Each structure stands twice: as C-alpha cells, then as structure tokens.
Amino acid sequence: MVWRAICKKKEERPKLQSYRNWDELSPIPISFPMDGSIGITGDWRTFRPIINEKECNNCGMCWLYCPEGVIQKNNNGSFEIDYRYCKGCGICAKECPTKNIEMKRESENHHDEPNKIDI
C-alpha cells in the first residue's frame, strides 16, 4: 500500500486557504490577454459574457475565475471584459454569486453595451 505512505493524515496536511473576495488575493490569472499565433483570440467565440453593471456587487469573483485574465477592474471599482481576447467560456457567468453575468449569443447586437473593450 504505497499510497498510504505518500498520503498524509488530515492533521498533517496544510490548512486549506479561503478568501472572502478577490481583494484578498494577489493578481495571478492563469494567463494574460495577448495575441495568439493567428492573432486576436476572441473573434471565434459563440457566446459573450455581459455584466449587468447596475446589479453587480463588484465582488471580483469573475476576475478571479477567468482563465484568460481578460476581466479588468476599473478605477471606479467596476469590472470590464476585454472582448478582443475573451473566448466566451462562460466560467465568469457560472461563478458569479449574484448571477449578474449573462452569456449572450454573439449574433445579437452588442453595440449598446458601454464600457467594454471590443474587437
């Protein structure tokens, strides 16, 4: 039973870290927005996340979970999405505790949505 020799007892394991909001974390996205080998990477998504800025509580969970690091905090505390690199995975919408991020089909008109970095 080799696995028993490798696994530590519960008391010996490091304490699980927990955070109340994104402010307690250092900025460590999985990746950073940048051109891929064929250029801008956000032009092939099917759905785009739309933040309901009126109802958003600015907790930063979307920023924390975005695997591409395309969600940025503005000076006023709100968040915006860089659509040039957003791949539309929907993780931000899934993790939003207040459900104020909606995934909308790309074919819908999005020109009336302010404060977004678009392609």
N, C-alpha and C. Protein backbone atom coordinates (compact mmCIF):
# COMPACT_ATOMS: atom_id res chain seq x y z
N MET A 1 0.82 -1.18 0.00
CA MET A 1 0.00 0.00 0.00
C MET A 1 0.87 1.25 0.00
N VAL A 2 1.43 1.52 -1.17
CA VAL A 2 2.32 2.66 -1.33
C VAL A 2 1.59 3.98 -1.10
N TRP A 3 0.34 4.08 -1.53
CA TRP A 3 -0.40 5.35 -1.41
C TRP A 3 -0.53 5.78 0.03
N ARG A 4 -0.59 4.86 0.98
CA ARG A 4 -0.69 5.23 2.39
C ARG A 4 0.60 5.88 2.88
N ALA A 5 1.70 5.48 2.32
CA ALA A 5 2.98 6.08 2.70
C ALA A 5 3.10 7.50 2.15
N ILE A 6 2.47 7.74 1.01
CA ILE A 6 2.54 9.07 0.37
C ILE A 6 1.55 10.04 1.00
N CYS A 7 0.33 9.60 1.24
CA CYS A 7 -0.73 10.45 1.76
C CYS A 7 -0.49 10.77 3.23
N LYS A 8 -0.72 12.02 3.57
CA LYS A 8 -0.56 12.44 4.96
C LYS A 8 -1.89 12.37 5.68
N LYS A 9 -1.82 12.26 6.98
CA LYS A 9 -3.02 12.30 7.79
C LYS A 9 -3.62 13.70 7.70
N LYS A 10 -4.90 13.80 7.94
CA LYS A 10 -5.60 15.08 7.84
C LYS A 10 -4.94 16.15 8.69
N GLU A 11 -4.48 15.79 9.86
CA GLU A 11 -3.86 16.76 10.76
C GLU A 11 -2.52 17.27 10.24
N GLU A 12 -1.86 16.50 9.37
CA GLU A 12 -0.54 16.87 8.85
C GLU A 12 -0.61 17.68 7.57
N ARG A 13 -1.78 17.71 6.94
CA ARG A 13 -1.94 18.44 5.68
C ARG A 13 -1.95 19.95 5.94
N PRO A 14 -1.52 20.75 4.96
CA PRO A 14 -1.60 22.20 5.13
C PRO A 14 -3.06 22.65 5.19
N LYS A 15 -3.31 23.71 5.93
CA LYS A 15 -4.67 24.23 6.07
C LYS A 15 -5.13 24.78 4.73
N LEU A 16 -6.37 24.47 4.36
CA LEU A 16 -6.96 24.95 3.12
C LEU A 16 -7.16 26.46 3.21
N GLN A 17 -6.67 27.18 2.22
CA GLN A 17 -6.83 28.63 2.21
C GLN A 17 -8.23 28.99 1.77
N SER A 18 -8.78 30.02 2.37
CA SER A 18 -10.09 30.50 1.94
C SER A 18 -10.04 32.02 1.87
N TYR A 19 -10.82 32.57 0.96
CA TYR A 19 -10.85 34.01 0.73
C TYR A 19 -12.30 34.47 0.69
N ARG A 20 -12.54 35.66 1.21
CA ARG A 20 -13.89 36.21 1.20
C ARG A 20 -14.20 36.92 -0.10
N ASN A 21 -13.19 37.52 -0.73
CA ASN A 21 -13.39 38.21 -2.00
C ASN A 21 -12.07 38.33 -2.74
N TRP A 22 -12.10 38.88 -3.91
CA TRP A 22 -10.91 38.95 -4.76
C TRP A 22 -9.87 39.89 -4.21
N ASP A 23 -10.25 40.86 -3.35
CA ASP A 23 -9.30 41.82 -2.80
C ASP A 23 -8.22 41.16 -1.95
N GLU A 24 -8.52 40.00 -1.39
CA GLU A 24 -7.58 39.30 -0.53
C GLU A 24 -6.53 38.51 -1.32
N LEU A 25 -6.69 38.44 -2.62
CA LEU A 25 -5.77 37.66 -3.45
C LEU A 25 -4.79 38.54 -4.19
N SER A 26 -3.64 37.98 -4.50
CA SER A 26 -2.72 38.68 -5.39
C SER A 26 -3.17 38.43 -6.83
N PRO A 27 -2.90 39.36 -7.73
CA PRO A 27 -3.35 39.19 -9.13
C PRO A 27 -2.55 38.09 -9.84
N ILE A 28 -3.14 36.90 -9.94
CA ILE A 28 -2.45 35.76 -10.54
C ILE A 28 -3.33 35.05 -11.55
N PRO A 29 -3.72 35.70 -12.65
CA PRO A 29 -4.53 34.98 -13.63
C PRO A 29 -3.72 33.83 -14.23
N ILE A 30 -4.44 32.85 -14.75
CA ILE A 30 -3.79 31.69 -15.35
C ILE A 30 -2.98 32.10 -16.57
N SER A 31 -3.51 33.04 -17.34
CA SER A 31 -2.78 33.55 -18.49
C SER A 31 -3.08 35.04 -18.63
N PHE A 32 -2.42 35.67 -19.54
CA PHE A 32 -2.63 37.09 -19.77
C PHE A 32 -3.15 37.30 -21.19
N PRO A 33 -4.01 38.31 -21.39
CA PRO A 33 -4.53 38.56 -22.74
C PRO A 33 -3.39 38.95 -23.68
N MET A 34 -3.27 38.23 -24.76
CA MET A 34 -2.27 38.56 -25.78
C MET A 34 -2.63 37.88 -27.09
N ASP A 35 -2.08 38.38 -28.17
CA ASP A 35 -2.34 37.78 -29.47
C ASP A 35 -1.82 36.35 -29.51
N GLY A 36 -2.62 35.47 -30.08
CA GLY A 36 -2.20 34.09 -30.27
C GLY A 36 -1.39 33.97 -31.55
N SER A 37 -1.05 32.77 -31.92
CA SER A 37 -0.23 32.56 -33.11
C SER A 37 -0.95 33.01 -34.38
N ILE A 38 -2.30 33.08 -34.34
CA ILE A 38 -3.04 33.54 -35.51
C ILE A 38 -3.72 34.89 -35.27
N GLY A 39 -3.28 35.60 -34.22
CA GLY A 39 -3.81 36.94 -33.97
C GLY A 39 -4.70 37.01 -32.74
N ILE A 40 -5.65 37.92 -32.78
CA ILE A 40 -6.56 38.13 -31.66
C ILE A 40 -7.40 36.87 -31.46
N THR A 41 -7.54 36.44 -30.21
CA THR A 41 -8.15 35.14 -29.94
C THR A 41 -9.64 35.19 -29.61
N GLY A 42 -10.23 36.37 -29.47
CA GLY A 42 -11.62 36.44 -29.08
C GLY A 42 -12.62 36.50 -30.22
N ASP A 43 -12.16 36.38 -31.46
CA ASP A 43 -13.07 36.55 -32.58
C ASP A 43 -13.78 35.27 -33.00
N TRP A 44 -13.56 34.17 -32.30
CA TRP A 44 -14.22 32.92 -32.68
C TRP A 44 -15.23 32.42 -31.65
N ARG A 45 -15.48 33.21 -30.62
CA ARG A 45 -16.41 32.74 -29.58
C ARG A 45 -17.85 32.74 -30.09
N THR A 46 -18.69 31.90 -29.51
CA THR A 46 -20.10 31.79 -29.86
C THR A 46 -20.96 32.63 -28.93
N PHE A 47 -20.59 32.68 -27.64
CA PHE A 47 -21.30 33.47 -26.64
C PHE A 47 -20.35 34.46 -26.00
N ARG A 48 -20.90 35.60 -25.59
CA ARG A 48 -20.09 36.59 -24.90
C ARG A 48 -20.73 36.90 -23.55
N PRO A 49 -19.91 37.05 -22.51
CA PRO A 49 -20.44 37.40 -21.20
C PRO A 49 -20.77 38.88 -21.12
N ILE A 50 -21.95 39.19 -20.60
CA ILE A 50 -22.38 40.57 -20.43
C ILE A 50 -22.61 40.81 -18.94
N ILE A 51 -21.89 41.78 -18.36
CA ILE A 51 -22.03 42.10 -16.95
C ILE A 51 -23.18 43.08 -16.77
N ASN A 52 -24.10 42.77 -15.87
CA ASN A 52 -25.17 43.69 -15.50
C ASN A 52 -24.57 44.66 -14.48
N GLU A 53 -24.09 45.78 -14.96
CA GLU A 53 -23.35 46.71 -14.11
C GLU A 53 -24.22 47.35 -13.03
N LYS A 54 -25.52 47.44 -13.27
CA LYS A 54 -26.41 48.05 -12.27
C LYS A 54 -26.59 47.14 -11.06
N GLU A 55 -26.56 45.83 -11.27
CA GLU A 55 -26.80 44.87 -10.18
C GLU A 55 -25.52 44.24 -9.64
N CYS A 56 -24.40 44.38 -10.35
CA CYS A 56 -23.14 43.77 -9.94
C CYS A 56 -22.68 44.36 -8.60
N ASN A 57 -22.24 43.50 -7.67
CA ASN A 57 -21.76 43.98 -6.38
C ASN A 57 -20.23 44.14 -6.35
N ASN A 58 -19.58 43.97 -7.50
CA ASN A 58 -18.13 44.15 -7.65
C ASN A 58 -17.31 43.27 -6.72
N CYS A 59 -17.76 42.04 -6.52
CA CYS A 59 -17.04 41.11 -5.63
C CYS A 59 -15.74 40.62 -6.25
N GLY A 60 -15.66 40.60 -7.58
CA GLY A 60 -14.44 40.19 -8.26
C GLY A 60 -14.31 38.70 -8.51
N MET A 61 -15.35 37.94 -8.26
CA MET A 61 -15.26 36.50 -8.50
C MET A 61 -15.07 36.21 -9.98
N CYS A 62 -15.65 37.00 -10.85
CA CYS A 62 -15.46 36.82 -12.30
C CYS A 62 -13.99 37.00 -12.66
N TRP A 63 -13.37 38.01 -12.09
CA TRP A 63 -11.95 38.27 -12.32
C TRP A 63 -11.11 37.11 -11.82
N LEU A 64 -11.45 36.61 -10.67
CA LEU A 64 -10.70 35.53 -10.05
C LEU A 64 -10.74 34.25 -10.89
N TYR A 65 -11.90 33.91 -11.42
CA TYR A 65 -12.07 32.64 -12.13
C TYR A 65 -11.77 32.71 -13.62
N CYS A 66 -11.66 33.88 -14.20
CA CYS A 66 -11.41 33.98 -15.65
C CYS A 66 -10.07 33.33 -15.99
N PRO A 67 -10.07 32.24 -16.77
CA PRO A 67 -8.81 31.55 -17.08
C PRO A 67 -7.92 32.31 -18.06
N GLU A 68 -8.47 33.30 -18.73
CA GLU A 68 -7.69 34.06 -19.71
C GLU A 68 -7.24 35.42 -19.19
N GLY A 69 -7.68 35.80 -18.00
CA GLY A 69 -7.27 37.08 -17.43
C GLY A 69 -7.78 38.29 -18.19
N VAL A 70 -8.96 38.17 -18.81
CA VAL A 70 -9.48 39.26 -19.65
C VAL A 70 -10.44 40.19 -18.90
N ILE A 71 -10.70 39.92 -17.64
CA ILE A 71 -11.58 40.78 -16.85
C ILE A 71 -10.70 41.72 -16.04
N GLN A 72 -10.97 43.00 -16.17
CA GLN A 72 -10.14 44.02 -15.53
C GLN A 72 -10.97 44.88 -14.60
N LYS A 73 -10.34 45.34 -13.53
CA LYS A 73 -11.02 46.24 -12.58
C LYS A 73 -10.76 47.67 -13.01
N ASN A 74 -11.82 48.47 -13.06
CA ASN A 74 -11.72 49.89 -13.39
C ASN A 74 -11.42 50.70 -12.14
N ASN A 75 -11.06 51.95 -12.33
CA ASN A 75 -10.77 52.84 -11.21
C ASN A 75 -11.97 53.04 -10.29
N ASN A 76 -13.18 52.93 -10.82
CA ASN A 76 -14.38 53.12 -10.00
C ASN A 76 -14.82 51.84 -9.29
N GLY A 77 -14.05 50.76 -9.41
CA GLY A 77 -14.36 49.51 -8.73
C GLY A 77 -15.15 48.53 -9.55
N SER A 78 -15.68 48.95 -10.70
CA SER A 78 -16.43 48.04 -11.57
C SER A 78 -15.45 47.21 -12.40
N PHE A 79 -16.00 46.20 -13.07
CA PHE A 79 -15.18 45.32 -13.89
C PHE A 79 -15.61 45.40 -15.34
N GLU A 80 -14.65 45.19 -16.25
CA GLU A 80 -14.96 45.15 -17.68
C GLU A 80 -14.23 43.97 -18.31
N ILE A 81 -14.77 43.54 -19.44
CA ILE A 81 -14.25 42.37 -20.13
C ILE A 81 -13.59 42.81 -21.43
N ASP A 82 -12.38 42.33 -21.66
CA ASP A 82 -11.67 42.62 -22.90
C ASP A 82 -12.11 41.59 -23.93
N TYR A 83 -13.07 41.96 -24.77
CA TYR A 83 -13.63 41.03 -25.76
C TYR A 83 -12.67 40.69 -26.88
N ARG A 84 -11.57 41.42 -27.00
CA ARG A 84 -10.59 41.06 -28.02
C ARG A 84 -9.99 39.69 -27.74
N TYR A 85 -9.97 39.31 -26.46
CA TYR A 85 -9.33 38.05 -26.07
C TYR A 85 -10.26 37.09 -25.34
N CYS A 86 -11.45 37.53 -24.97
CA CYS A 86 -12.41 36.66 -24.29
C CYS A 86 -12.84 35.54 -25.24
N LYS A 87 -12.78 34.31 -24.76
CA LYS A 87 -13.14 33.16 -25.59
C LYS A 87 -14.57 32.69 -25.37
N GLY A 88 -15.29 33.36 -24.44
CA GLY A 88 -16.69 33.02 -24.22
C GLY A 88 -16.92 31.70 -23.52
N CYS A 89 -16.01 31.31 -22.66
CA CYS A 89 -16.13 30.00 -21.99
C CYS A 89 -17.29 29.97 -20.99
N GLY A 90 -17.66 31.12 -20.43
CA GLY A 90 -18.79 31.18 -19.51
C GLY A 90 -18.45 30.90 -18.06
N ILE A 91 -17.20 30.70 -17.75
CA ILE A 91 -16.81 30.43 -16.36
C ILE A 91 -17.17 31.61 -15.47
N CYS A 92 -16.97 32.83 -15.94
CA CYS A 92 -17.31 34.01 -15.14
C CYS A 92 -18.79 34.04 -14.80
N ALA A 93 -19.64 33.72 -15.76
CA ALA A 93 -21.08 33.71 -15.52
C ALA A 93 -21.47 32.60 -14.55
N LYS A 94 -20.84 31.46 -14.68
CA LYS A 94 -21.13 30.33 -13.80
C LYS A 94 -20.72 30.62 -12.36
N GLU A 95 -19.61 31.31 -12.17
CA GLU A 95 -19.08 31.56 -10.83
C GLU A 95 -19.62 32.83 -10.18
N CYS A 96 -20.31 33.67 -10.93
CA CYS A 96 -20.85 34.92 -10.37
C CYS A 96 -21.87 34.59 -9.28
N PRO A 97 -21.60 34.98 -8.02
CA PRO A 97 -22.51 34.61 -6.93
C PRO A 97 -23.87 35.31 -7.01
N THR A 98 -23.93 36.45 -7.68
CA THR A 98 -25.20 37.19 -7.80
C THR A 98 -25.89 36.95 -9.13
N LYS A 99 -25.28 36.12 -9.99
CA LYS A 99 -25.82 35.78 -11.32
C LYS A 99 -26.10 37.02 -12.15
N ASN A 100 -25.15 37.96 -12.13
CA ASN A 100 -25.28 39.19 -12.91
C ASN A 100 -24.38 39.22 -14.13
N ILE A 101 -23.98 38.05 -14.59
CA ILE A 101 -23.28 37.93 -15.87
C ILE A 101 -24.10 36.97 -16.72
N GLU A 102 -24.52 37.47 -17.86
CA GLU A 102 -25.34 36.67 -18.77
C GLU A 102 -24.54 36.35 -20.02
N MET A 103 -24.64 35.11 -20.47
CA MET A 103 -23.98 34.71 -21.71
C MET A 103 -24.97 34.93 -22.86
N LYS A 104 -24.61 35.82 -23.79
CA LYS A 104 -25.47 36.12 -24.93
C LYS A 104 -24.81 35.64 -26.21
N ARG A 105 -25.62 35.14 -27.11
CA ARG A 105 -25.12 34.67 -28.40
C ARG A 105 -24.45 35.83 -29.15
N GLU A 106 -23.33 35.55 -29.78
CA GLU A 106 -22.56 36.57 -30.49
C GLU A 106 -23.35 37.26 -31.59
N SER A 107 -24.31 36.58 -32.18
CA SER A 107 -25.05 37.17 -33.30
C SER A 107 -25.97 38.31 -32.86
N GLU A 108 -26.23 38.43 -31.55
CA GLU A 108 -27.08 39.52 -31.07
C GLU A 108 -26.30 40.83 -31.13
N ASN A 109 -27.00 41.94 -31.21
CA ASN A 109 -26.37 43.26 -31.29
C ASN A 109 -25.83 43.66 -29.92
N HIS A 110 -24.54 43.98 -29.84
CA HIS A 110 -23.92 44.34 -28.57
C HIS A 110 -23.37 45.76 -28.59
N HIS A 111 -23.71 46.56 -29.56
CA HIS A 111 -23.12 47.89 -29.66
C HIS A 111 -23.66 48.86 -28.61
N ASP A 112 -24.78 48.52 -27.95
CA ASP A 112 -25.35 49.42 -26.94
C ASP A 112 -24.79 49.15 -25.55
N GLU A 113 -23.80 48.28 -25.41
CA GLU A 113 -23.24 47.96 -24.11
C GLU A 113 -21.97 48.78 -23.88
N PRO A 114 -22.02 49.74 -22.95
CA PRO A 114 -20.89 50.64 -22.72
C PRO A 114 -19.77 49.98 -21.93
N ASN A 115 -18.63 50.65 -21.88
CA ASN A 115 -17.50 50.28 -21.04
C ASN A 115 -16.95 48.89 -21.33
N LYS A 116 -16.92 48.50 -22.56
CA LYS A 116 -16.38 47.20 -22.93
C LYS A 116 -15.27 47.41 -23.96
N ILE A 117 -14.24 46.63 -23.85
CA ILE A 117 -13.18 46.65 -24.83
C ILE A 117 -13.55 45.64 -25.90
N ASP A 118 -13.84 46.09 -27.09
CA ASP A 118 -14.37 45.22 -28.13
C ASP A 118 -13.42 45.12 -29.30
N ILE A 119 -13.62 44.08 -30.09
CA ILE A 119 -12.81 43.87 -31.29
C ILE A 119 -13.38 44.66 -32.45
